[in-house]
C-alpha cells in the first residue's frame, strides 16, 4: 500500500499522500509514478536486461561453442529471433522518432540515459537473487515473498 509519493529529489520537493493532498494531486502523483515505473520497466528491465544482455551470451555462444556442443544446442532454441528483435528495437523503438521516443514520457535522451546506466551497472553477479538482496538491504528479512 502506497502511503506517499515524492515526485522530485531533495527536501524541497512536494510529497503527496491520500490524506494530505487533494484527490486531483494524489491522482496526478500516482499517474506520474506509474509512468516512471513503466519507463524503467520497459527500458531497463525488459529491453536491456532481457534482450541486450541476452544477445551478449548469444554472440559468445555462437563464436565459442562448436555447432554440435550440447550447451549450444540447448541455448539455440532460446536465442531464436533474438538478434532480429534487437535489431528491430534499435531501429524502430529507441532511435530518435521511434516508438519509445514518442510513447514513453522520458523521450529519446531519457531512454538512452536509462540504457547507458543499465549497461554501466550490469554485471553477472547482479543477476543473482542473493547478491541483489544484499545490495538492496533485504537479505536479512525472515520472509521475503
N, C-alpha and C. Protein backbone atom coordinates (compact mmCIF):
# COMPACT_ATOMS: atom_id res chain seq x y z
N UNK A 1 0.85 -1.18 0.00
CA UNK A 1 0.00 0.00 0.00
C UNK A 1 0.89 1.23 0.00
N UNK A 2 0.66 2.11 -0.94
CA UNK A 2 1.43 3.34 -1.06
C UNK A 2 0.91 4.35 -0.03
N UNK A 3 1.81 4.94 0.73
CA UNK A 3 1.39 5.93 1.72
C UNK A 3 1.73 7.36 1.30
N UNK A 4 2.74 7.51 0.42
CA UNK A 4 3.12 8.84 -0.04
C UNK A 4 3.97 8.70 -1.30
N UNK A 5 3.95 9.75 -2.12
CA UNK A 5 4.76 9.80 -3.34
C UNK A 5 5.45 11.15 -3.39
N UNK A 6 6.77 11.11 -3.55
CA UNK A 6 7.56 12.34 -3.72
C UNK A 6 8.01 12.37 -5.17
N UNK A 7 7.63 13.42 -5.90
CA UNK A 7 7.90 13.46 -7.33
C UNK A 7 9.21 14.14 -7.70
N UNK A 8 9.93 14.64 -6.77
CA UNK A 8 11.20 15.29 -7.06
C UNK A 8 12.27 14.79 -6.12
N UNK A 9 13.47 15.32 -6.32
CA UNK A 9 14.57 14.97 -5.43
C UNK A 9 14.84 16.12 -4.48
N UNK A 10 15.33 15.81 -3.31
CA UNK A 10 15.68 16.84 -2.36
C UNK A 10 14.56 17.14 -1.38
N UNK A 11 14.90 17.90 -0.38
CA UNK A 11 13.94 18.18 0.68
C UNK A 11 12.90 19.22 0.29
N UNK A 12 13.10 19.95 -0.80
CA UNK A 12 12.15 20.98 -1.22
C UNK A 12 11.02 20.45 -2.10
N UNK A 13 11.11 19.20 -2.56
CA UNK A 13 10.07 18.69 -3.45
C UNK A 13 8.84 18.27 -2.65
N UNK A 14 7.70 18.40 -3.26
CA UNK A 14 6.43 18.13 -2.60
C UNK A 14 6.20 16.64 -2.42
N UNK A 15 5.65 16.28 -1.29
CA UNK A 15 5.26 14.90 -1.02
C UNK A 15 3.73 14.85 -1.04
N UNK A 16 3.18 13.94 -1.84
CA UNK A 16 1.74 13.80 -1.97
C UNK A 16 1.29 12.54 -1.24
N UNK A 17 0.16 12.63 -0.57
CA UNK A 17 -0.41 11.45 0.09
C UNK A 17 -1.93 11.54 0.00
N UNK A 18 -2.60 10.41 0.13
CA UNK A 18 -4.07 10.44 0.02
C UNK A 18 -4.73 11.19 1.17
N UNK A 19 -4.04 11.34 2.27
CA UNK A 19 -4.66 12.02 3.42
C UNK A 19 -4.37 13.52 3.46
N UNK A 20 -3.24 13.96 2.87
CA UNK A 20 -2.89 15.39 2.96
C UNK A 20 -3.02 16.13 1.64
N UNK A 21 -3.27 15.43 0.55
CA UNK A 21 -3.38 16.07 -0.77
C UNK A 21 -4.80 15.95 -1.29
N UNK A 22 -5.16 16.86 -2.18
CA UNK A 22 -6.48 16.76 -2.80
C UNK A 22 -6.51 15.52 -3.71
N UNK A 23 -7.73 15.11 -4.04
CA UNK A 23 -7.87 13.93 -4.90
C UNK A 23 -7.14 14.15 -6.23
N UNK A 24 -7.21 15.33 -6.80
CA UNK A 24 -6.55 15.61 -8.08
C UNK A 24 -5.05 15.42 -7.97
N UNK A 25 -4.41 16.03 -6.97
CA UNK A 25 -2.95 15.96 -6.85
C UNK A 25 -2.47 14.56 -6.48
N UNK A 26 -3.24 13.86 -5.68
CA UNK A 26 -2.88 12.49 -5.35
C UNK A 26 -2.97 11.61 -6.60
N UNK A 27 -4.02 11.80 -7.39
CA UNK A 27 -4.17 11.04 -8.64
C UNK A 27 -3.06 11.40 -9.62
N UNK A 28 -2.73 12.67 -9.70
CA UNK A 28 -1.64 13.12 -10.57
C UNK A 28 -0.32 12.46 -10.17
N UNK A 29 -0.01 12.44 -8.88
CA UNK A 29 1.23 11.84 -8.39
C UNK A 29 1.27 10.35 -8.72
N UNK A 30 0.13 9.66 -8.61
CA UNK A 30 0.09 8.23 -8.95
C UNK A 30 0.34 8.00 -10.43
N UNK A 31 -0.24 8.86 -11.28
CA UNK A 31 -0.03 8.72 -12.73
C UNK A 31 1.44 8.94 -13.08
N UNK A 32 2.06 9.96 -12.51
CA UNK A 32 3.47 10.25 -12.79
C UNK A 32 4.35 9.10 -12.30
N UNK A 33 4.08 8.59 -11.11
CA UNK A 33 4.88 7.48 -10.57
C UNK A 33 4.70 6.21 -11.40
N UNK A 34 3.47 5.93 -11.82
CA UNK A 34 3.24 4.75 -12.67
C UNK A 34 3.91 4.89 -14.02
N UNK A 35 3.91 6.10 -14.57
CA UNK A 35 4.57 6.33 -15.85
C UNK A 35 6.08 6.11 -15.71
N UNK A 36 6.67 6.64 -14.65
CA UNK A 36 8.10 6.44 -14.41
C UNK A 36 8.42 4.96 -14.25
N UNK A 37 7.55 4.23 -13.57
CA UNK A 37 7.74 2.80 -13.41
C UNK A 37 7.66 2.07 -14.75
N UNK A 38 6.74 2.48 -15.61
CA UNK A 38 6.60 1.86 -16.92
C UNK A 38 7.85 2.09 -17.78
N UNK A 39 8.37 3.31 -17.74
CA UNK A 39 9.59 3.62 -18.50
C UNK A 39 10.74 2.77 -17.99
N UNK A 40 10.92 2.72 -16.69
CA UNK A 40 12.00 1.94 -16.09
C UNK A 40 11.86 0.46 -16.43
N UNK A 41 10.65 -0.06 -16.32
CA UNK A 41 10.42 -1.47 -16.61
C UNK A 41 10.71 -1.79 -18.07
N UNK A 42 10.23 -0.95 -18.97
CA UNK A 42 10.42 -1.23 -20.40
C UNK A 42 11.85 -1.06 -20.85
N UNK A 43 12.49 0.02 -20.44
CA UNK A 43 13.83 0.30 -20.95
C UNK A 43 14.92 -0.51 -20.25
N UNK A 44 14.85 -0.58 -18.92
CA UNK A 44 15.92 -1.27 -18.20
C UNK A 44 15.63 -2.75 -18.02
N UNK A 45 14.54 -3.07 -17.38
CA UNK A 45 14.27 -4.46 -17.05
C UNK A 45 13.99 -5.32 -18.27
N UNK A 46 13.24 -4.79 -19.22
CA UNK A 46 12.92 -5.61 -20.39
C UNK A 46 13.94 -5.46 -21.52
N UNK A 47 14.05 -4.27 -22.07
CA UNK A 47 14.90 -4.11 -23.25
C UNK A 47 16.36 -4.40 -22.94
N UNK A 48 16.89 -3.79 -21.90
CA UNK A 48 18.31 -4.02 -21.58
C UNK A 48 18.54 -5.41 -21.00
N UNK A 49 17.90 -5.70 -19.87
CA UNK A 49 18.21 -6.94 -19.16
C UNK A 49 17.77 -8.19 -19.90
N UNK A 50 16.62 -8.16 -20.55
CA UNK A 50 16.14 -9.36 -21.23
C UNK A 50 16.71 -9.50 -22.64
N UNK A 51 16.79 -8.40 -23.39
CA UNK A 51 17.21 -8.50 -24.78
C UNK A 51 18.70 -8.25 -24.99
N UNK A 52 19.17 -7.07 -24.60
CA UNK A 52 20.54 -6.70 -24.93
C UNK A 52 21.57 -7.53 -24.17
N UNK A 53 21.29 -7.88 -22.92
CA UNK A 53 22.21 -8.75 -22.17
C UNK A 53 22.21 -10.15 -22.77
N UNK A 54 21.05 -10.66 -23.13
CA UNK A 54 20.97 -12.00 -23.71
C UNK A 54 21.74 -12.08 -25.02
N UNK A 55 21.75 -10.99 -25.77
CA UNK A 55 22.47 -11.01 -27.05
C UNK A 55 23.97 -11.20 -26.84
N UNK A 56 24.51 -10.67 -25.75
CA UNK A 56 25.93 -10.90 -25.45
C UNK A 56 26.22 -12.40 -25.33
N UNK A 57 25.33 -13.10 -24.63
CA UNK A 57 25.53 -14.53 -24.44
C UNK A 57 25.28 -15.30 -25.74
N UNK A 58 24.35 -14.82 -26.55
CA UNK A 58 24.11 -15.46 -27.83
C UNK A 58 25.35 -15.36 -28.72
N UNK A 59 25.93 -14.18 -28.82
CA UNK A 59 27.12 -13.99 -29.65
C UNK A 59 28.27 -14.85 -29.12
N UNK A 60 28.48 -14.85 -27.82
CA UNK A 60 29.55 -15.66 -27.23
C UNK A 60 29.33 -17.15 -27.49
N UNK A 61 28.09 -17.59 -27.38
CA UNK A 61 27.77 -19.00 -27.63
C UNK A 61 28.09 -19.37 -29.06
N UNK A 62 27.67 -18.54 -30.01
CA UNK A 62 27.89 -18.85 -31.42
C UNK A 62 29.36 -18.76 -31.81
N UNK A 63 30.11 -17.88 -31.18
CA UNK A 63 31.53 -17.74 -31.50
C UNK A 63 32.40 -18.82 -30.86
N UNK A 64 32.06 -19.21 -29.65
CA UNK A 64 32.97 -20.05 -28.86
C UNK A 64 32.60 -21.53 -28.81
N UNK A 65 31.34 -21.87 -28.98
CA UNK A 65 30.96 -23.27 -28.87
C UNK A 65 30.75 -23.87 -30.26
N UNK A 66 31.27 -25.07 -30.51
CA UNK A 66 31.05 -25.71 -31.80
C UNK A 66 29.57 -26.03 -32.01
N UNK A 67 29.16 -26.12 -33.27
CA UNK A 67 27.73 -26.34 -33.56
C UNK A 67 27.13 -27.57 -32.89
N UNK A 68 27.91 -28.60 -32.64
CA UNK A 68 27.37 -29.82 -32.04
C UNK A 68 27.54 -29.87 -30.51
N UNK A 69 27.95 -28.77 -29.91
CA UNK A 69 28.12 -28.73 -28.45
C UNK A 69 26.75 -28.79 -27.79
N UNK A 70 26.59 -29.63 -26.75
CA UNK A 70 25.26 -29.78 -26.13
C UNK A 70 24.72 -28.49 -25.51
N UNK A 71 25.58 -27.66 -24.94
CA UNK A 71 25.10 -26.40 -24.35
C UNK A 71 24.61 -25.46 -25.45
N UNK A 72 25.33 -25.44 -26.57
CA UNK A 72 24.88 -24.60 -27.69
C UNK A 72 23.54 -25.09 -28.23
N UNK A 73 23.38 -26.39 -28.31
CA UNK A 73 22.11 -26.96 -28.78
C UNK A 73 20.97 -26.58 -27.83
N UNK A 74 21.26 -26.61 -26.55
CA UNK A 74 20.24 -26.26 -25.56
C UNK A 74 19.87 -24.78 -25.64
N UNK A 75 20.86 -23.90 -25.76
CA UNK A 75 20.61 -22.46 -25.76
C UNK A 75 20.05 -21.94 -27.08
N UNK A 76 20.38 -22.59 -28.19
CA UNK A 76 19.99 -22.06 -29.50
C UNK A 76 18.48 -21.88 -29.63
N UNK A 77 17.71 -22.76 -29.02
CA UNK A 77 16.25 -22.63 -29.06
C UNK A 77 15.82 -21.31 -28.41
N UNK A 78 16.45 -20.95 -27.30
CA UNK A 78 16.05 -19.76 -26.56
C UNK A 78 16.54 -18.47 -27.22
N UNK A 79 17.51 -18.58 -28.09
CA UNK A 79 18.05 -17.41 -28.78
C UNK A 79 17.40 -17.17 -30.14
N UNK A 80 16.46 -17.99 -30.53
CA UNK A 80 15.83 -17.83 -31.84
C UNK A 80 15.16 -16.46 -31.95
N UNK A 81 15.50 -15.72 -32.96
CA UNK A 81 14.89 -14.43 -33.23
C UNK A 81 15.39 -13.29 -32.36
N UNK A 82 16.31 -13.57 -31.44
CA UNK A 82 16.78 -12.52 -30.53
C UNK A 82 17.51 -11.41 -31.28
N UNK A 83 18.42 -11.77 -32.16
CA UNK A 83 19.18 -10.75 -32.90
C UNK A 83 18.25 -9.89 -33.76
N UNK A 84 17.29 -10.53 -34.41
CA UNK A 84 16.34 -9.79 -35.24
C UNK A 84 15.49 -8.85 -34.38
N UNK A 85 15.03 -9.33 -33.23
CA UNK A 85 14.22 -8.48 -32.35
C UNK A 85 15.04 -7.30 -31.84
N UNK A 86 16.30 -7.54 -31.50
CA UNK A 86 17.15 -6.45 -31.01
C UNK A 86 17.46 -5.44 -32.11
N UNK A 87 17.70 -5.93 -33.31
CA UNK A 87 17.94 -5.02 -34.44
C UNK A 87 16.71 -4.16 -34.71
N UNK A 88 15.54 -4.78 -34.64
CA UNK A 88 14.29 -4.05 -34.84
C UNK A 88 14.12 -2.99 -33.74
N UNK A 89 14.41 -3.38 -32.49
CA UNK A 89 14.22 -2.42 -31.39
C UNK A 89 15.17 -1.25 -31.52
N UNK A 90 16.39 -1.50 -31.98
CA UNK A 90 17.33 -0.39 -32.17
C UNK A 90 16.84 0.54 -33.27
N UNK A 91 16.33 -0.03 -34.33
CA UNK A 91 15.91 0.75 -35.49
C UNK A 91 14.57 1.45 -35.28
N UNK A 92 13.59 0.73 -34.76
CA UNK A 92 12.22 1.25 -34.70
C UNK A 92 11.77 1.77 -33.33
N UNK A 93 12.46 1.37 -32.27
CA UNK A 93 12.00 1.77 -30.94
C UNK A 93 12.80 2.91 -30.34
N UNK A 94 14.13 2.76 -30.27
CA UNK A 94 14.89 3.73 -29.48
C UNK A 94 15.64 4.76 -30.31
N UNK A 95 15.58 4.67 -31.61
CA UNK A 95 16.15 5.74 -32.43
C UNK A 95 15.29 7.00 -32.29
N UNK A 96 15.85 8.18 -32.53
CA UNK A 96 15.03 9.40 -32.46
C UNK A 96 13.82 9.28 -33.38
N UNK A 97 12.66 9.60 -32.85
CA UNK A 97 11.43 9.49 -33.62
C UNK A 97 10.81 8.11 -33.56
N UNK A 98 11.47 7.16 -32.91
CA UNK A 98 10.95 5.81 -32.79
C UNK A 98 9.79 5.74 -31.82
N UNK A 99 9.21 4.56 -31.69
CA UNK A 99 8.03 4.38 -30.86
C UNK A 99 8.29 4.74 -29.40
N UNK A 100 9.42 4.34 -28.86
CA UNK A 100 9.71 4.66 -27.46
C UNK A 100 9.89 6.17 -27.27
N UNK A 101 10.41 6.83 -28.29
CA UNK A 101 10.61 8.28 -28.21
C UNK A 101 9.27 9.01 -28.17
N UNK A 102 8.29 8.50 -28.89
CA UNK A 102 7.01 9.19 -28.97
C UNK A 102 6.02 8.72 -27.91
N UNK A 103 6.16 7.50 -27.40
CA UNK A 103 5.19 6.95 -26.46
C UNK A 103 5.61 7.14 -25.00
N UNK A 104 6.88 6.89 -24.71
CA UNK A 104 7.34 6.98 -23.32
C UNK A 104 7.69 8.41 -22.96
N UNK A 105 7.31 8.82 -21.78
CA UNK A 105 7.47 10.20 -21.32
C UNK A 105 8.92 10.65 -21.25
N UNK A 106 9.84 9.72 -21.09
CA UNK A 106 11.25 10.08 -20.91
C UNK A 106 11.89 10.60 -22.19
N UNK A 107 11.29 10.34 -23.35
CA UNK A 107 11.84 10.82 -24.60
C UNK A 107 13.12 10.08 -24.98
N UNK A 108 13.67 10.43 -26.13
CA UNK A 108 14.85 9.73 -26.64
C UNK A 108 16.04 9.85 -25.71
N UNK A 109 16.39 11.06 -25.30
CA UNK A 109 17.57 11.25 -24.46
C UNK A 109 17.41 10.55 -23.11
N UNK A 110 16.24 10.61 -22.54
CA UNK A 110 16.00 9.93 -21.27
C UNK A 110 16.12 8.42 -21.39
N UNK A 111 15.59 7.87 -22.50
CA UNK A 111 15.69 6.43 -22.73
C UNK A 111 17.14 6.00 -22.89
N UNK A 112 17.91 6.78 -23.63
CA UNK A 112 19.33 6.46 -23.82
C UNK A 112 20.06 6.54 -22.49
N UNK A 113 19.74 7.54 -21.67
CA UNK A 113 20.37 7.64 -20.34
C UNK A 113 20.06 6.42 -19.48
N UNK A 114 18.82 5.95 -19.53
CA UNK A 114 18.44 4.76 -18.76
C UNK A 114 19.23 3.56 -19.25
N UNK A 115 19.33 3.38 -20.57
CA UNK A 115 20.08 2.24 -21.11
C UNK A 115 21.56 2.33 -20.79
N UNK A 116 22.13 3.52 -20.88
CA UNK A 116 23.56 3.68 -20.52
C UNK A 116 23.80 3.34 -19.05
N UNK A 117 22.93 3.81 -18.19
CA UNK A 117 23.05 3.48 -16.77
C UNK A 117 22.91 1.99 -16.52
N UNK A 118 22.01 1.36 -17.27
CA UNK A 118 21.83 -0.09 -17.13
C UNK A 118 23.09 -0.84 -17.54
N UNK A 119 23.69 -0.42 -18.65
CA UNK A 119 24.93 -1.05 -19.10
C UNK A 119 26.05 -0.85 -18.07
N UNK A 120 26.15 0.34 -17.51
CA UNK A 120 27.20 0.63 -16.53
C UNK A 120 27.04 -0.21 -15.27
N UNK A 121 25.81 -0.37 -14.81
CA UNK A 121 25.57 -1.06 -13.55
C UNK A 121 25.51 -2.57 -13.67
N UNK A 122 25.29 -3.08 -14.87
CA UNK A 122 25.06 -4.52 -15.03
C UNK A 122 26.36 -5.30 -14.83
N UNK A 123 26.25 -6.39 -14.12
CA UNK A 123 27.34 -7.35 -14.01
C UNK A 123 26.69 -8.73 -13.88
N UNK A 124 27.49 -9.75 -14.10
CA UNK A 124 26.94 -11.09 -13.99
C UNK A 124 26.45 -11.36 -12.57
N UNK A 125 27.16 -10.82 -11.59
CA UNK A 125 26.77 -11.00 -10.19
C UNK A 125 25.42 -10.33 -9.90
N UNK A 126 25.08 -9.28 -10.65
CA UNK A 126 23.82 -8.57 -10.38
C UNK A 126 22.60 -9.41 -10.74
N UNK A 127 22.80 -10.51 -11.46
CA UNK A 127 21.67 -11.39 -11.80
C UNK A 127 21.36 -12.39 -10.69
N UNK A 128 22.19 -12.42 -9.65
CA UNK A 128 21.98 -13.34 -8.54
C UNK A 128 20.96 -12.76 -7.57
N UNK A 129 19.96 -13.53 -7.21
CA UNK A 129 18.95 -13.08 -6.25
C UNK A 129 19.59 -12.74 -4.91
N UNK A 130 20.56 -13.55 -4.49
CA UNK A 130 21.19 -13.32 -3.19
C UNK A 130 22.03 -12.04 -3.19
N UNK A 131 22.79 -11.80 -4.27
CA UNK A 131 23.58 -10.57 -4.36
C UNK A 131 22.67 -9.34 -4.44
N UNK A 132 21.59 -9.46 -5.21
CA UNK A 132 20.65 -8.35 -5.34
C UNK A 132 19.99 -8.05 -4.00
N UNK A 133 19.64 -9.08 -3.26
CA UNK A 133 19.03 -8.89 -1.94
C UNK A 133 20.00 -8.18 -1.00
N UNK A 134 21.28 -8.56 -1.05
CA UNK A 134 22.28 -7.88 -0.22
C UNK A 134 22.40 -6.42 -0.61
N UNK A 135 22.46 -6.16 -1.92
CA UNK A 135 22.61 -4.79 -2.42
C UNK A 135 21.46 -3.90 -1.95
N UNK A 136 20.24 -4.46 -1.96
CA UNK A 136 19.06 -3.69 -1.58
C UNK A 136 18.79 -3.70 -0.09
N UNK A 137 19.61 -4.45 0.68
CA UNK A 137 19.48 -4.46 2.12
C UNK A 137 18.32 -5.29 2.66
N UNK A 138 17.85 -6.24 1.88
CA UNK A 138 16.73 -7.07 2.33
C UNK A 138 17.15 -8.53 2.51
N UNK A 139 18.45 -8.79 2.60
CA UNK A 139 18.92 -10.17 2.71
C UNK A 139 18.67 -10.77 4.09
N UNK A 140 18.45 -9.97 5.10
CA UNK A 140 18.24 -10.49 6.44
C UNK A 140 16.78 -10.62 6.83
N UNK A 141 15.87 -10.37 5.92
CA UNK A 141 14.44 -10.48 6.26
C UNK A 141 14.07 -11.92 6.52
N UNK A 142 13.24 -12.19 7.53
CA UNK A 142 12.85 -13.57 7.80
C UNK A 142 11.95 -14.15 6.71
N UNK A 143 11.18 -13.32 6.04
CA UNK A 143 10.29 -13.79 4.98
C UNK A 143 10.26 -12.73 3.89
N UNK A 144 10.56 -13.12 2.68
CA UNK A 144 10.55 -12.18 1.56
C UNK A 144 9.78 -12.82 0.42
N UNK A 145 8.54 -12.39 0.21
CA UNK A 145 7.68 -13.05 -0.81
C UNK A 145 8.19 -12.85 -2.22
